[in-house]
C-alpha atoms as a PDB file:
ATOM      1  CA  UNK A   1     -36.839  37.441   2.052  1.00  0.00           C
ATOM      2  CA  UNK A   2     -33.403  35.841   1.511  1.00  0.00           C
ATOM      3  CA  UNK A   3     -31.314  33.834   3.937  1.00  0.00           C
ATOM      4  CA  UNK A   4     -28.381  35.539   5.627  1.00  0.00           C
ATOM      5  CA  UNK A   5     -25.193  33.930   6.910  1.00  0.00           C
ATOM      6  CA  UNK A   6     -26.427  34.199  10.496  1.00  0.00           C
ATOM      7  CA  UNK A   7     -29.760  32.506   9.741  1.00  0.00           C
ATOM      8  CA  UNK A   8     -30.537  29.204  11.472  1.00  0.00           C
ATOM      9  CA  UNK A   9     -31.095  27.251   8.213  1.00  0.00           C
ATOM     10  CA  UNK A  10     -27.709  28.337   6.880  1.00  0.00           C
ATOM     11  CA  UNK A  11     -25.970  27.401  10.126  1.00  0.00           C
ATOM     12  CA  UNK A  12     -27.592  23.954   9.906  1.00  0.00           C
ATOM     13  CA  UNK A  13     -26.267  23.527   6.347  1.00  0.00           C
ATOM     14  CA  UNK A  14     -22.769  24.496   7.505  1.00  0.00           C
ATOM     15  CA  UNK A  15     -23.038  22.027  10.384  1.00  0.00           C
ATOM     16  CA  UNK A  16     -24.111  19.209   8.052  1.00  0.00           C
ATOM     17  CA  UNK A  17     -21.197  19.965   5.703  1.00  0.00           C
ATOM     18  CA  UNK A  18     -18.780  19.958   8.636  1.00  0.00           C
ATOM     19  CA  UNK A  19     -20.100  16.629   9.939  1.00  0.00           C
ATOM     20  CA  UNK A  20     -19.922  15.037   6.482  1.00  0.00           C
ATOM     21  CA  UNK A  21     -16.377  16.329   5.934  1.00  0.00           C
ATOM     22  CA  UNK A  22     -15.271  14.977   9.322  1.00  0.00           C
ATOM     23  CA  UNK A  23     -16.939  11.602   8.663  1.00  0.00           C
ATOM     24  CA  UNK A  24     -15.168  11.277   5.286  1.00  0.00           C
ATOM     25  CA  UNK A  25     -11.800  12.044   6.889  1.00  0.00           C
ATOM     26  CA  UNK A  26     -12.425   9.485   9.642  1.00  0.00           C
ATOM     27  CA  UNK A  27     -13.441   6.803   7.112  1.00  0.00           C
ATOM     28  CA  UNK A  28     -10.356   7.479   4.989  1.00  0.00           C
ATOM     29  CA  UNK A  29      -8.122   7.268   8.057  1.00  0.00           C
ATOM     30  CA  UNK A  30      -9.742   4.008   9.202  1.00  0.00           C
ATOM     31  CA  UNK A  31      -9.395   2.556   5.703  1.00  0.00           C
ATOM     32  CA  UNK A  32      -5.719   3.480   5.564  1.00  0.00           C
ATOM     33  CA  UNK A  33      -5.069   1.975   9.004  1.00  0.00           C
ATOM     34  CA  UNK A  34      -6.912  -1.223   8.014  1.00  0.00           C
ATOM     35  CA  UNK A  35      -4.929  -1.605   4.790  1.00  0.00           C
ATOM     36  CA  UNK A  36      -1.625  -1.004   6.598  1.00  0.00           C
ATOM     37  CA  UNK A  37      -2.560  -3.539   9.293  1.00  0.00           C
ATOM     38  CA  UNK A  38      -3.483  -6.173   6.686  1.00  0.00           C
ATOM     39  CA  UNK A  39      -0.248  -5.585   4.806  1.00  0.00           C
ATOM     40  CA  UNK A  40       1.809  -6.042   7.975  1.00  0.00           C
ATOM     41  CA  UNK A  41      -0.116  -8.966   9.463  1.00  0.00           C
ATOM     42  CA  UNK A  42      -0.696 -10.951   6.262  1.00  0.00           C
ATOM     43  CA  UNK A  43       2.612  -9.968   4.607  1.00  0.00           C
ATOM     44  CA  UNK A  44       0.837  -8.572   1.564  1.00  0.00           C
ATOM     45  CA  UNK A  45       2.350  -6.705  -1.350  1.00  0.00           C
ATOM     46  CA  UNK A  46       0.297  -4.285  -3.449  1.00  0.00           C
ATOM     47  CA  UNK A  47       1.403  -3.484  -6.988  1.00  0.00           C
ATOM     48  CA  UNK A  48      -0.358  -1.796  -9.917  1.00  0.00           C
ATOM     49  CA  UNK A  49      -0.601  -3.837 -13.115  1.00  0.00           C
ATOM     50  CA  UNK A  50       1.293  -1.872 -15.763  1.00  0.00           C
ATOM     51  CA  UNK A  51       0.931  -4.134 -18.805  1.00  0.00           C
ATOM     52  CA  UNK A  52      -1.663  -6.362 -20.436  1.00  0.00           C
ATOM     53  CA  UNK A  53       0.490  -9.512 -20.446  1.00  0.00           C
ATOM     54  CA  UNK A  54      -1.754 -11.219 -17.888  1.00  0.00           C
ATOM     55  CA  UNK A  55      -5.129 -10.519 -19.485  1.00  0.00           C
ATOM     56  CA  UNK A  56      -7.782 -11.594 -18.640  1.00  0.00           C
ATOM     57  CA  UNK A  57      -6.555 -12.396 -15.096  1.00  0.00           C
ATOM     58  CA  UNK A  58      -5.852  -8.710 -14.555  1.00  0.00           C
ATOM     59  CA  UNK A  59      -5.752  -5.590 -16.700  1.00  0.00           C
ATOM     60  CA  UNK A  60      -3.481  -2.533 -16.802  1.00  0.00           C
ATOM     61  CA  UNK A  61      -4.550  -0.259 -13.957  1.00  0.00           C
ATOM     62  CA  UNK A  62      -5.766  -3.075 -11.698  1.00  0.00           C
ATOM     63  CA  UNK A  63      -4.271  -3.380  -8.216  1.00  0.00           C
ATOM     64  CA  UNK A  64      -2.598  -6.771  -7.782  1.00  0.00           C
ATOM     65  CA  UNK A  65      -2.473  -8.159  -4.239  1.00  0.00           C
ATOM     66  CA  UNK A  66       0.153 -10.818  -3.536  1.00  0.00           C
ATOM     67  CA  UNK A  67       0.873 -12.679  -0.303  1.00  0.00           C
ATOM     68  CA  UNK A  68       4.225 -13.916   0.917  1.00  0.00           C
ATOM     69  CA  UNK A  69       4.308 -17.710   0.851  1.00  0.00           C
ATOM     70  CA  UNK A  70       6.854 -20.505   1.088  1.00  0.00           C
ATOM     71  CA  UNK A  71       8.679 -21.001  -2.221  1.00  0.00           C
ATOM     72  CA  UNK A  72       8.631 -24.765  -1.679  1.00  0.00           C
ATOM     73  CA  UNK A  73       4.799 -24.709  -1.717  1.00  0.00           C
ATOM     74  CA  UNK A  74       4.524 -23.252  -5.240  1.00  0.00           C
ATOM     75  CA  UNK A  75       2.821 -25.242  -8.004  1.00  0.00           C
ATOM     76  CA  UNK A  76       2.339 -25.020 -11.751  1.00  0.00           C
ATOM     77  CA  UNK A  77      -0.472 -22.548 -12.373  1.00  0.00           C
ATOM     78  CA  UNK A  78       0.429 -20.170  -9.527  1.00  0.00           C
ATOM     79  CA  UNK A  79       0.900 -16.512 -10.461  1.00  0.00           C
ATOM     80  CA  UNK A  80       3.967 -15.127  -8.696  1.00  0.00           C
ATOM     81  CA  UNK A  81       5.988 -11.921  -8.462  1.00  0.00           C
ATOM     82  CA  UNK A  82       9.663 -12.240  -9.355  1.00  0.00           C
ATOM     83  CA  UNK A  83      12.570 -10.367 -10.914  1.00  0.00           C
ATOM     84  CA  UNK A  84      13.802 -11.823 -14.221  1.00  0.00           C
ATOM     85  CA  UNK A  85      17.576 -12.282 -14.638  1.00  0.00           C
ATOM     86  CA  UNK A  86      19.280  -8.929 -15.131  1.00  0.00           C
ATOM     87  CA  UNK A  87      16.124  -6.870 -14.480  1.00  0.00           C
ATOM     88  CA  UNK A  88      15.617  -5.390 -11.010  1.00  0.00           C
ATOM     89  CA  UNK A  89      13.584  -2.342 -12.039  1.00  0.00           C
ATOM     90  CA  UNK A  90      10.174  -3.802 -11.174  1.00  0.00           C
ATOM     91  CA  UNK A  91       8.860  -7.297 -10.500  1.00  0.00           C
ATOM     92  CA  UNK A  92       6.988  -9.300 -13.114  1.00  0.00           C
ATOM     93  CA  UNK A  93       3.853 -11.176 -12.128  1.00  0.00           C
ATOM     94  CA  UNK A  94       3.411 -14.154 -14.467  1.00  0.00           C
ATOM     95  CA  UNK A  95       2.073 -17.686 -14.249  1.00  0.00           C
ATOM     96  CA  UNK A  96       4.284 -20.713 -13.601  1.00  0.00           C
ATOM     97  CA  UNK A  97       3.990 -23.078 -16.568  1.00  0.00           C
ATOM     98  CA  UNK A  98       6.653 -25.601 -15.525  1.00  0.00           C
ATOM     99  CA  UNK A  99       8.359 -26.373 -12.220  1.00  0.00           C
ATOM    100  CA  UNK A 100      11.243 -28.725 -11.415  1.00  0.00           C
ATOM    101  CA  UNK A 101      12.488 -29.084  -7.816  1.00  0.00           C
ATOM    102  CA  UNK A 102      16.264 -28.733  -7.405  1.00  0.00           C
ATOM    103  CA  UNK A 103      18.627 -28.658  -4.432  1.00  0.00           C
ATOM    104  CA  UNK A 104      18.880 -24.849  -4.620  1.00  0.00           C
ATOM    105  CA  UNK A 105      15.176 -24.206  -5.146  1.00  0.00           C
ATOM    106  CA  UNK A 106      12.435 -24.791  -7.711  1.00  0.00           C
ATOM    107  CA  UNK A 107      13.422 -24.192 -11.335  1.00  0.00           C
ATOM    108  CA  UNK A 108      10.503 -22.585 -13.134  1.00  0.00           C
ATOM    109  CA  UNK A 109       9.449 -21.202 -16.476  1.00  0.00           C
ATOM    110  CA  UNK A 110       6.771 -18.536 -16.636  1.00  0.00           C
ATOM    111  CA  UNK A 111       4.389 -17.010 -19.146  1.00  0.00           C
ATOM    112  CA  UNK A 112       1.911 -14.174 -19.275  1.00  0.00           C
ATOM    113  CA  UNK A 113      -1.616 -15.443 -19.892  1.00  0.00           C
ATOM    114  CA  UNK A 114      -2.005 -13.108 -22.879  1.00  0.00           C
ATOM    115  CA  UNK A 115       1.306 -14.180 -24.456  1.00  0.00           C
ATOM    116  CA  UNK A 116       1.627 -17.009 -26.974  1.00  0.00           C
ATOM    117  CA  UNK A 117       5.053 -18.171 -25.785  1.00  0.00           C
ATOM    118  CA  UNK A 118       6.905 -18.553 -22.491  1.00  0.00           C
ATOM    119  CA  UNK A 119       8.935 -15.647 -21.124  1.00  0.00           C
ATOM    120  CA  UNK A 120      12.145 -15.046 -23.119  1.00  0.00           C
ATOM    121  CA  UNK A 121      14.542 -15.381 -20.178  1.00  0.00           C
ATOM    122  CA  UNK A 122      13.831 -19.095 -19.974  1.00  0.00           C
ATOM    123  CA  UNK A 123      14.103 -21.174 -16.809  1.00  0.00           C
ATOM    124  CA  UNK A 124      14.703 -19.347 -13.517  1.00  0.00           C
ATOM    125  CA  UNK A 125      15.696 -20.876 -10.184  1.00  0.00           C
ATOM    126  CA  UNK A 126      13.932 -19.369  -7.177  1.00  0.00           C
ATOM    127  CA  UNK A 127      16.540 -19.359  -4.403  1.00  0.00           C
ATOM    128  CA  UNK A 128      14.618 -17.241  -1.878  1.00  0.00           C
ATOM    129  CA  UNK A 129      12.757 -19.201   0.833  1.00  0.00           C
ATOM    130  CA  UNK A 130       9.641 -17.093   0.251  1.00  0.00           C
ATOM    131  CA  UNK A 131       7.849 -15.768  -2.829  1.00  0.00           C
ATOM    132  CA  UNK A 132       4.872 -13.473  -3.341  1.00  0.00           C
ATOM    133  CA  UNK A 133       1.912 -15.306  -4.867  1.00  0.00           C
ATOM    134  CA  UNK A 134      -1.201 -13.654  -6.319  1.00  0.00           C
ATOM    135  CA  UNK A 135      -4.207 -13.770  -3.995  1.00  0.00           C
ATOM    136  CA  UNK A 136      -6.626 -11.223  -5.442  1.00  0.00           C
ATOM    137  CA  UNK A 137      -7.063  -8.373  -7.896  1.00  0.00           C
ATOM    138  CA  UNK A 138      -8.820  -5.064  -7.203  1.00  0.00           C
ATOM    139  CA  UNK A 139     -10.038  -3.629 -10.537  1.00  0.00           C
ATOM    140  CA  UNK A 140      -8.751  -0.175 -11.520  1.00  0.00           C
ATOM    141  CA  UNK A 141      -7.453   0.711  -8.057  1.00  0.00           C
ATOM    142  CA  UNK A 142      -3.908   0.461  -9.405  1.00  0.00           C
ATOM    143  CA  UNK A 143      -4.426   3.808 -11.142  1.00  0.00           C
ATOM    144  CA  UNK A 144      -4.699   5.386  -7.670  1.00  0.00           C
ATOM    145  CA  UNK A 145      -1.412   3.763  -6.658  1.00  0.00           C
ATOM    146  CA  UNK A 146       0.362   5.015  -9.781  1.00  0.00           C
ATOM    147  CA  UNK A 147      -1.133   8.489  -9.353  1.00  0.00           C
ATOM    148  CA  UNK A 148      -0.055   8.639  -5.695  1.00  0.00           C
ATOM    149  CA  UNK A 149       3.458   7.508  -6.640  1.00  0.00           C
ATOM    150  CA  UNK A 150       3.686  10.179  -9.330  1.00  0.00           C
ATOM    151  CA  UNK A 151       2.499  12.824  -6.883  1.00  0.00           C
ATOM    152  CA  UNK A 152       5.075  11.776  -4.304  1.00  0.00           C
ATOM    153  CA  UNK A 153       7.766  12.156  -6.949  1.00  0.00           C
ATOM    154  CA  UNK A 154       6.679  15.682  -7.771  1.00  0.00           C
ATOM    155  CA  UNK A 155       7.647  18.441  -5.335  1.00  0.00           C
ATOM    156  CA  UNK A 156       5.274  20.872  -6.981  1.00  0.00           C
ATOM    157  CA  UNK A 157       2.361  18.479  -6.528  1.00  0.00           C
ATOM    158  CA  UNK A 158       3.184  18.058  -2.834  1.00  0.00           C
ATOM    159  CA  UNK A 159       3.224  21.843  -2.390  1.00  0.00           C
ATOM    160  CA  UNK A 160      -0.152  22.125  -4.145  1.00  0.00           C
ATOM    161  CA  UNK A 161      -1.616  19.369  -1.967  1.00  0.00           C
ATOM    162  CA  UNK A 162      -0.303  21.042   1.187  1.00  0.00           C
ATOM    163  CA  UNK A 163      -1.774  24.380   0.113  1.00  0.00           C
ATOM    164  CA  UNK A 164      -5.103  22.725  -0.666  1.00  0.00           C
ATOM    165  CA  UNK A 165      -5.224  21.026   2.736  1.00  0.00           C
ATOM    166  CA  UNK A 166      -4.409  24.336   4.418  1.00  0.00           C
ATOM    167  CA  UNK A 167      -7.260  26.041   2.569  1.00  0.00           C
ATOM    168  CA  UNK A 168      -9.641  23.236   3.543  1.00  0.00           C
ATOM    169  CA  UNK A 169      -8.577  23.565   7.195  1.00  0.00           C
ATOM    170  CA  UNK A 170      -9.135  27.338   7.124  1.00  0.00           C
ATOM    171  CA  UNK A 171     -12.528  26.893   5.449  1.00  0.00           C
ATOM    172  CA  UNK A 172     -13.554  24.243   7.982  1.00  0.00           C
ATOM    173  CA  UNK A 173     -12.511  26.514  10.830  1.00  0.00           C
ATOM    174  CA  UNK A 174     -14.530  29.421   9.465  1.00  0.00           C
ATOM    175  CA  UNK A 175     -17.567  27.177   8.971  1.00  0.00           C
ATOM    176  CA  UNK A 176     -17.316  25.993  12.545  1.00  0.00           C
ATOM    177  CA  UNK A 177     -17.511  29.544  13.968  1.00  0.00           C
ATOM    178  CA  UNK A 178     -19.620  31.701  11.622  1.00  0.00           C
ATOM    179  CA  UNK A 179     -19.827  35.258  12.900  1.00  0.00           C
ATOM    180  CA  UNK A 180     -22.300  37.868  11.787  1.00  0.00           C
ATOM    181  CA  UNK A 181     -21.628  41.546  11.288  1.00  0.00           C
ATOM    182  CA  UNK A 182     -24.018  42.294  14.160  1.00  0.00           C
ATOM    183  CA  UNK A 183     -22.066  40.018  16.472  1.00  0.00           C
ATOM    184  CA  UNK A 184     -18.806  41.777  15.555  1.00  0.00           C
ATOM    185  CA  UNK A 185     -20.317  45.193  16.334  1.00  0.00           C
ATOM    186  CA  UNK A 186     -21.621  43.934  19.675  1.00  0.00           C
ATOM    187  CA  UNK A 187     -18.212  42.514  20.581  1.00  0.00           C
ATOM    188  CA  UNK A 188     -16.588  45.828  19.695  1.00  0.00           C
ATOM    189  CA  UNK A 189     -19.091  47.712  21.846  1.00  0.00           C
ATOM    190  CA  UNK A 190     -18.453  45.419  24.806  1.00  0.00           C
ATOM    191  CA  UNK A 191     -14.710  45.841  24.365  1.00  0.00           C
ATOM    192  CA  UNK A 192     -15.060  49.629  24.211  1.00  0.00           C
ATOM    193  CA  UNK A 193     -17.249  49.693  27.293  1.00  0.00           C
ATOM    194  CA  UNK A 194     -14.778  47.534  29.192  1.00  0.00           C
ATOM    195  CA  UNK A 195     -11.937  49.814  28.177  1.00  0.00           C
ATOM    196  CA  UNK A 196     -13.827  52.929  29.308  1.00  0.00           C
ATOM    197  CA  UNK A 197     -14.822  51.544  32.685  1.00  0.00           C
ATOM    198  CA  UNK A 198     -11.313  50.390  33.667  1.00  0.00           C
END
């Protein structure tokens, strides 16, 4: 004797799947809200590591978390995010290897931990009152950030995601209200009877 869609065990399975799906969505939403709140409150910046110049501190694909701090509080050994002269495409995150205070801001030289020599642009003066300094690294989570960025840049991917979410919503709705063939026939009979007696 096989199980049918209107059997109690099957309905329980559908209910468990629905509860698990809802719990996952709630956890993802809470996680996103928590991350956004931390970014706003603690002035954090999240960036994926794209090169191996800072090995072993962090690897390509790691998520680098930096916090906004006073530029005047920086020291030799701090890892900071900055734009080299003439390059505004993406910030570098390298270690300060020398620092000299000046009237316009600290003059620094930087180097990637995996590199044998200091960065080729030489000394840079940090004129901004605040700078982002490395606080922690989340291994491999940077791949998610890069993947999400690539998806956002692709209209086709957004359409596919929207279609997938729509299908999930339809499936969840059908799981919530499973109807048997017998129930449909009964509903039709009731409707017919009501129509006849009016």
